[in-house]
Amino acid sequence: MVRFCLFGLLAWFDAMNVWPYIKSDLVRYGGGCSISAFFKNLIFNRSFKYSFWLRLTRHDNFIIRAFAVLMHKRLSNKYHIQIPRQTEIGYGLLLGHHMCLVVSGTAKIGNNVNLSQFTTIGSNDGQAATIGDNVYVGPGVCIVENVFIGNSSTIGAGSVVTRDIPENATVAGVPATVLNYSNPGRYIKNRWCFDPAAKS
């Protein structure tokens, strides 16, 4: 009976176009899509917990959305993570650690993106960065203004990104410069296949 109710709840999420995003985030943490993995991560994985409530802030149901907004605000203050609920985020978001992360509400984040601790993605002039798919952002990275981060790129720890980064590039430094194009996307594990025709 309990299992039936839980599956019914998740099916309702799916009908409201929320569950696909939650499920994709869950897969990124290596939890698969089982009921047990869902609740285990929701209880013990603070990064997934934050993502879960962030995703629910876009739920179609007003009551669920309102409660999610309160939970999101509470966890934002508790974990020192500022990702506004209006931020455009694709499938498979992975927060490397549940602390100290600032993202502008005007940023656009693609699918299967890793965001590490002490990262700032912001802008003083309006539009913040657009980040492609399968991108790894290392610890302590600052991505400044309206730059474009290409697919399958890797940004090394402590980098300051002030200009566009091409696809498949590994960059590092202040300002960030291209080091190589070898082994792109190597840190993106458990990728969510958001396009059924694409290979994960």
C-alpha atoms as a PDB file:
ATOM      1  CA  MET A   1       0.000   0.000   0.000  1.00  0.00           C
ATOM      2  CA  VAL A   2       2.788   2.413   0.953  1.00  0.00           C
ATOM      3  CA  ARG A   3       4.703   1.584  -2.238  1.00  0.00           C
ATOM      4  CA  PHE A   4       1.559   2.214  -4.304  1.00  0.00           C
ATOM      5  CA  CYS A   5       1.031   5.616  -2.648  1.00  0.00           C
ATOM      6  CA  LEU A   6       4.664   6.614  -3.216  1.00  0.00           C
ATOM      7  CA  PHE A   7       4.550   5.664  -6.878  1.00  0.00           C
ATOM      8  CA  GLY A   8       1.281   7.558  -7.171  1.00  0.00           C
ATOM      9  CA  LEU A   9       2.929  10.647  -5.678  1.00  0.00           C
ATOM     10  CA  LEU A  10       5.867  10.443  -8.093  1.00  0.00           C
ATOM     11  CA  ALA A  11       3.491   9.895 -11.006  1.00  0.00           C
ATOM     12  CA  TRP A  12       1.676  13.063  -9.971  1.00  0.00           C
ATOM     13  CA  PHE A  13       4.994  14.936  -9.968  1.00  0.00           C
ATOM     14  CA  ASP A  14       5.595  13.565 -13.463  1.00  0.00           C
ATOM     15  CA  ALA A  15       2.207  14.793 -14.634  1.00  0.00           C
ATOM     16  CA  MET A  16       3.125  18.264 -13.409  1.00  0.00           C
ATOM     17  CA  ASN A  17       6.417  18.273 -15.393  1.00  0.00           C
ATOM     18  CA  VAL A  18       8.484  18.381 -12.209  1.00  0.00           C
ATOM     19  CA  TRP A  19       9.539  14.785 -11.735  1.00  0.00           C
ATOM     20  CA  PRO A  20      11.684  14.561 -14.927  1.00  0.00           C
ATOM     21  CA  TYR A  21      13.956  17.280 -13.541  1.00  0.00           C
ATOM     22  CA  ILE A  22      14.043  15.766 -10.048  1.00  0.00           C
ATOM     23  CA  LYS A  23      14.716  12.325 -11.506  1.00  0.00           C
ATOM     24  CA  SER A  24      17.526  13.639 -13.698  1.00  0.00           C
ATOM     25  CA  ASP A  25      19.177  15.270 -10.665  1.00  0.00           C
ATOM     26  CA  LEU A  26      18.820  12.034  -8.700  1.00  0.00           C
ATOM     27  CA  VAL A  27      20.510  10.040 -11.458  1.00  0.00           C
ATOM     28  CA  ARG A  28      23.467  12.455 -11.440  1.00  0.00           C
ATOM     29  CA  TYR A  29      24.136  11.630  -7.790  1.00  0.00           C
ATOM     30  CA  GLY A  30      24.360   7.946  -8.698  1.00  0.00           C
ATOM     31  CA  GLY A  31      21.117   7.052  -7.009  1.00  0.00           C
ATOM     32  CA  GLY A  32      19.249   5.693 -10.007  1.00  0.00           C
ATOM     33  CA  CYS A  33      15.497   6.217 -10.075  1.00  0.00           C
ATOM     34  CA  SER A  34      14.239   3.861  -7.362  1.00  0.00           C
ATOM     35  CA  ILE A  35      11.959   4.911  -4.533  1.00  0.00           C
ATOM     36  CA  SER A  36      14.572   3.947  -1.947  1.00  0.00           C
ATOM     37  CA  ALA A  37      17.274   5.983  -3.705  1.00  0.00           C
ATOM     38  CA  PHE A  38      14.936   8.962  -3.894  1.00  0.00           C
ATOM     39  CA  PHE A  39      14.181   9.028  -0.172  1.00  0.00           C
ATOM     40  CA  LYS A  40      17.733   8.121   0.833  1.00  0.00           C
ATOM     41  CA  ASN A  41      19.106  11.086  -1.110  1.00  0.00           C
ATOM     42  CA  LEU A  42      16.319  13.400  -0.002  1.00  0.00           C
ATOM     43  CA  ILE A  43      17.110  12.655   3.652  1.00  0.00           C
ATOM     44  CA  PHE A  44      20.903  12.298   3.643  1.00  0.00           C
ATOM     45  CA  ASN A  45      22.181  14.137   0.557  1.00  0.00           C
ATOM     46  CA  ARG A  46      21.964  17.850   1.264  1.00  0.00           C
ATOM     47  CA  SER A  47      22.837  18.832  -2.292  1.00  0.00           C
ATOM     48  CA  PHE A  48      19.986  16.749  -3.709  1.00  0.00           C
ATOM     49  CA  LYS A  49      17.648  18.040  -1.010  1.00  0.00           C
ATOM     50  CA  TYR A  50      18.393  21.595  -2.101  1.00  0.00           C
ATOM     51  CA  SER A  51      17.877  20.719  -5.781  1.00  0.00           C
ATOM     52  CA  PHE A  52      14.612  18.946  -4.965  1.00  0.00           C
ATOM     53  CA  TRP A  53      13.035  21.979  -3.312  1.00  0.00           C
ATOM     54  CA  LEU A  54      14.487  24.302  -5.952  1.00  0.00           C
ATOM     55  CA  ARG A  55      12.794  22.238  -8.662  1.00  0.00           C
ATOM     56  CA  LEU A  56       9.488  22.198  -6.781  1.00  0.00           C
ATOM     57  CA  THR A  57       9.388  26.004  -6.731  1.00  0.00           C
ATOM     58  CA  ARG A  58       8.253  25.690 -10.358  1.00  0.00           C
ATOM     59  CA  HIS A  59       5.427  23.270  -9.602  1.00  0.00           C
ATOM     60  CA  ASP A  60       2.072  24.100 -11.200  1.00  0.00           C
ATOM     61  CA  ASN A  61       0.181  23.575  -7.948  1.00  0.00           C
ATOM     62  CA  PHE A  62       0.083  26.793  -5.897  1.00  0.00           C
ATOM     63  CA  ILE A  63       0.130  25.069  -2.489  1.00  0.00           C
ATOM     64  CA  ILE A  64       3.116  22.855  -3.338  1.00  0.00           C
ATOM     65  CA  ARG A  65       4.890  25.758  -5.000  1.00  0.00           C
ATOM     66  CA  ALA A  66       4.347  28.062  -2.008  1.00  0.00           C
ATOM     67  CA  PHE A  67       5.637  25.455   0.447  1.00  0.00           C
ATOM     68  CA  ALA A  68       8.609  24.729  -1.818  1.00  0.00           C
ATOM     69  CA  VAL A  69       9.469  28.443  -1.939  1.00  0.00           C
ATOM     70  CA  LEU A  70       9.599  28.501   1.870  1.00  0.00           C
ATOM     71  CA  MET A  71      11.758  25.362   1.990  1.00  0.00           C
ATOM     72  CA  HIS A  72      14.036  26.706  -0.732  1.00  0.00           C
ATOM     73  CA  LYS A  73      14.512  29.962   1.177  1.00  0.00           C
ATOM     74  CA  ARG A  74      15.227  28.075   4.404  1.00  0.00           C
ATOM     75  CA  LEU A  75      17.821  25.796   2.793  1.00  0.00           C
ATOM     76  CA  SER A  76      19.390  28.710   0.917  1.00  0.00           C
ATOM     77  CA  ASN A  77      20.065  30.439   4.235  1.00  0.00           C
ATOM     78  CA  LYS A  78      21.155  27.229   5.945  1.00  0.00           C
ATOM     79  CA  TYR A  79      23.571  26.051   3.236  1.00  0.00           C
ATOM     80  CA  HIS A  80      24.611  29.522   1.981  1.00  0.00           C
ATOM     81  CA  ILE A  81      23.471  28.695  -1.539  1.00  0.00           C
ATOM     82  CA  GLN A  82      21.811  31.380  -3.636  1.00  0.00           C
ATOM     83  CA  ILE A  83      20.217  29.958  -6.762  1.00  0.00           C
ATOM     84  CA  PRO A  84      17.073  31.996  -7.495  1.00  0.00           C
ATOM     85  CA  ARG A  85      14.082  29.912  -8.451  1.00  0.00           C
ATOM     86  CA  GLN A  86      13.675  31.761 -11.751  1.00  0.00           C
ATOM     87  CA  THR A  87      17.121  30.622 -12.946  1.00  0.00           C
ATOM     88  CA  GLU A  88      16.906  28.551 -16.124  1.00  0.00           C
ATOM     89  CA  ILE A  89      18.428  25.155 -15.306  1.00  0.00           C
ATOM     90  CA  GLY A  90      18.403  22.096 -17.536  1.00  0.00           C
ATOM     91  CA  TYR A  91      18.250  18.437 -16.565  1.00  0.00           C
ATOM     92  CA  GLY A  92      20.797  16.737 -14.330  1.00  0.00           C
ATOM     93  CA  LEU A  93      22.086  19.487 -12.056  1.00  0.00           C
ATOM     94  CA  LEU A  94      24.774  18.308  -9.620  1.00  0.00           C
ATOM     95  CA  LEU A  95      25.970  20.475  -6.728  1.00  0.00           C
ATOM     96  CA  GLY A  96      29.360  19.127  -5.703  1.00  0.00           C
ATOM     97  CA  HIS A  97      28.978  20.284  -2.104  1.00  0.00           C
ATOM     98  CA  HIS A  98      26.056  21.805  -0.254  1.00  0.00           C
ATOM     99  CA  MET A  99      27.669  25.141   0.560  1.00  0.00           C
ATOM    100  CA  CYS A 100      28.648  28.615  -0.599  1.00  0.00           C
ATOM    101  CA  LEU A 101      27.319  28.950  -4.118  1.00  0.00           C
ATOM    102  CA  VAL A 102      25.952  32.099  -5.777  1.00  0.00           C
ATOM    103  CA  VAL A 103      24.186  32.058  -9.144  1.00  0.00           C
ATOM    104  CA  SER A 104      22.474  35.012 -10.787  1.00  0.00           C
ATOM    105  CA  GLY A 105      18.817  34.596 -11.646  1.00  0.00           C
ATOM    106  CA  THR A 106      19.662  35.653 -15.212  1.00  0.00           C
ATOM    107  CA  ALA A 107      22.132  32.803 -15.749  1.00  0.00           C
ATOM    108  CA  LYS A 108      21.216  29.940 -18.064  1.00  0.00           C
ATOM    109  CA  ILE A 109      22.517  26.510 -17.108  1.00  0.00           C
ATOM    110  CA  GLY A 110      22.412  23.542 -19.474  1.00  0.00           C
ATOM    111  CA  ASN A 111      22.024  19.809 -18.914  1.00  0.00           C
ATOM    112  CA  ASN A 112      24.389  17.665 -16.820  1.00  0.00           C
ATOM    113  CA  VAL A 113      26.241  20.576 -15.262  1.00  0.00           C
ATOM    114  CA  ASN A 114      28.417  20.237 -12.135  1.00  0.00           C
ATOM    115  CA  LEU A 115      28.678  23.297  -9.893  1.00  0.00           C
ATOM    116  CA  SER A 116      31.308  23.160  -7.147  1.00  0.00           C
ATOM    117  CA  GLN A 117      31.546  25.008  -3.849  1.00  0.00           C
ATOM    118  CA  PHE A 118      32.546  28.696  -3.610  1.00  0.00           C
ATOM    119  CA  THR A 119      31.491  29.325  -7.197  1.00  0.00           C
ATOM    120  CA  THR A 120      29.953  32.616  -8.317  1.00  0.00           C
ATOM    121  CA  ILE A 121      28.082  33.091 -11.585  1.00  0.00           C
ATOM    122  CA  GLY A 122      27.033  36.699 -11.749  1.00  0.00           C
ATOM    123  CA  SER A 123      26.723  39.974 -13.580  1.00  0.00           C
ATOM    124  CA  ASN A 124      26.708  43.660 -12.752  1.00  0.00           C
ATOM    125  CA  ASP A 125      25.220  44.634 -16.115  1.00  0.00           C
ATOM    126  CA  GLY A 126      22.152  42.411 -16.369  1.00  0.00           C
ATOM    127  CA  GLN A 127      22.505  39.106 -18.212  1.00  0.00           C
ATOM    128  CA  ALA A 128      24.798  36.536 -16.604  1.00  0.00           C
ATOM    129  CA  ALA A 129      26.534  33.581 -18.271  1.00  0.00           C
ATOM    130  CA  THR A 130      25.035  30.912 -20.479  1.00  0.00           C
ATOM    131  CA  ILE A 131      26.485  27.512 -19.644  1.00  0.00           C
ATOM    132  CA  GLY A 132      26.215  24.646 -22.123  1.00  0.00           C
ATOM    133  CA  ASP A 133      25.683  20.927 -21.532  1.00  0.00           C
ATOM    134  CA  ASN A 134      28.066  18.547 -19.725  1.00  0.00           C
ATOM    135  CA  VAL A 135      30.101  21.357 -18.152  1.00  0.00           C
ATOM    136  CA  TYR A 136      32.201  20.990 -15.010  1.00  0.00           C
ATOM    137  CA  VAL A 137      32.735  24.139 -12.933  1.00  0.00           C
ATOM    138  CA  GLY A 138      35.455  23.654 -10.330  1.00  0.00           C
ATOM    139  CA  PRO A 139      35.683  25.074  -6.790  1.00  0.00           C
ATOM    140  CA  GLY A 140      36.165  28.795  -6.321  1.00  0.00           C
ATOM    141  CA  VAL A 141      35.341  29.727  -9.911  1.00  0.00           C
ATOM    142  CA  CYS A 142      34.019  33.183 -10.823  1.00  0.00           C
ATOM    143  CA  ILE A 143      32.120  33.466 -14.101  1.00  0.00           C
ATOM    144  CA  VAL A 144      31.675  37.147 -14.843  1.00  0.00           C
ATOM    145  CA  GLU A 145      29.057  38.828 -17.028  1.00  0.00           C
ATOM    146  CA  ASN A 146      27.374  37.514 -20.186  1.00  0.00           C
ATOM    147  CA  VAL A 147      29.890  34.924 -21.376  1.00  0.00           C
ATOM    148  CA  PHE A 148      29.144  31.638 -23.126  1.00  0.00           C
ATOM    149  CA  ILE A 149      30.555  28.384 -21.770  1.00  0.00           C
ATOM    150  CA  GLY A 150      30.666  25.745 -24.510  1.00  0.00           C
ATOM    151  CA  ASN A 151      29.442  22.158 -24.187  1.00  0.00           C
ATOM    152  CA  SER A 152      31.687  19.573 -22.476  1.00  0.00           C
ATOM    153  CA  SER A 153      34.090  22.179 -21.165  1.00  0.00           C
ATOM    154  CA  THR A 154      35.970  22.030 -17.862  1.00  0.00           C
ATOM    155  CA  ILE A 155      36.757  25.083 -15.732  1.00  0.00           C
ATOM    156  CA  GLY A 156      39.607  24.549 -13.285  1.00  0.00           C
ATOM    157  CA  ALA A 157      39.499  25.537  -9.621  1.00  0.00           C
ATOM    158  CA  GLY A 158      40.007  29.198  -8.818  1.00  0.00           C
ATOM    159  CA  SER A 159      39.517  30.397 -12.387  1.00  0.00           C
ATOM    160  CA  VAL A 160      38.028  33.754 -13.312  1.00  0.00           C
ATOM    161  CA  VAL A 161      36.092  33.498 -16.577  1.00  0.00           C
ATOM    162  CA  THR A 162      35.708  36.817 -18.367  1.00  0.00           C
ATOM    163  CA  ARG A 163      35.307  35.659 -21.977  1.00  0.00           C
ATOM    164  CA  ASP A 164      33.659  32.859 -23.937  1.00  0.00           C
ATOM    165  CA  ILE A 165      34.955  29.302 -23.578  1.00  0.00           C
ATOM    166  CA  PRO A 166      34.842  27.026 -26.641  1.00  0.00           C
ATOM    167  CA  GLU A 167      33.375  23.537 -26.605  1.00  0.00           C
ATOM    168  CA  ASN A 168      35.476  20.643 -25.257  1.00  0.00           C
ATOM    169  CA  ALA A 169      38.037  23.022 -23.744  1.00  0.00           C
ATOM    170  CA  THR A 170      39.764  22.743 -20.380  1.00  0.00           C
ATOM    171  CA  VAL A 171      40.516  26.198 -19.005  1.00  0.00           C
ATOM    172  CA  ALA A 172      42.155  27.582 -15.887  1.00  0.00           C
ATOM    173  CA  GLY A 173      43.754  30.716 -14.551  1.00  0.00           C
ATOM    174  CA  VAL A 174      43.030  34.391 -13.932  1.00  0.00           C
ATOM    175  CA  PRO A 175      41.754  35.219 -16.447  1.00  0.00           C
ATOM    176  CA  ALA A 176      40.889  31.710 -17.601  1.00  0.00           C
ATOM    177  CA  THR A 177      42.722  30.534 -20.717  1.00  0.00           C
ATOM    178  CA  VAL A 178      42.492  27.315 -22.715  1.00  0.00           C
ATOM    179  CA  LEU A 179      44.920  24.621 -21.594  1.00  0.00           C
ATOM    180  CA  ASN A 180      43.871  21.817 -23.911  1.00  0.00           C
ATOM    181  CA  TYR A 181      41.010  20.077 -25.717  1.00  0.00           C
ATOM    182  CA  SER A 182      41.780  16.543 -24.544  1.00  0.00           C
ATOM    183  CA  ASN A 183      39.318  14.335 -22.680  1.00  0.00           C
ATOM    184  CA  PRO A 184      36.393  16.797 -22.590  1.00  0.00           C
ATOM    185  CA  GLY A 185      33.677  16.328 -20.002  1.00  0.00           C
ATOM    186  CA  ARG A 186      35.745  13.808 -18.029  1.00  0.00           C
ATOM    187  CA  TYR A 187      34.288  14.883 -14.677  1.00  0.00           C
ATOM    188  CA  ILE A 188      30.651  14.557 -15.731  1.00  0.00           C
ATOM    189  CA  LYS A 189      29.540  11.194 -14.365  1.00  0.00           C
ATOM    190  CA  ASN A 190      26.106   9.530 -14.440  1.00  0.00           C
ATOM    191  CA  ARG A 191      24.914  11.721 -17.278  1.00  0.00           C
ATOM    192  CA  TRP A 192      21.211  12.167 -17.768  1.00  0.00           C
ATOM    193  CA  CYS A 193      20.248  11.378 -21.349  1.00  0.00           C
ATOM    194  CA  PHE A 194      17.848  14.264 -21.905  1.00  0.00           C
ATOM    195  CA  ASP A 195      17.641  13.420 -25.620  1.00  0.00           C
ATOM    196  CA  PRO A 196      16.562   9.784 -26.170  1.00  0.00           C
ATOM    197  CA  ALA A 197      18.488   9.765 -29.440  1.00  0.00           C
ATOM    198  CA  ALA A 198      21.698  10.918 -27.764  1.00  0.00           C
ATOM    199  CA  LYS A 199      24.262   8.712 -26.102  1.00  0.00           C
ATOM    200  CA  SER A 200      24.800   9.281 -22.390  1.00  0.00           C
END
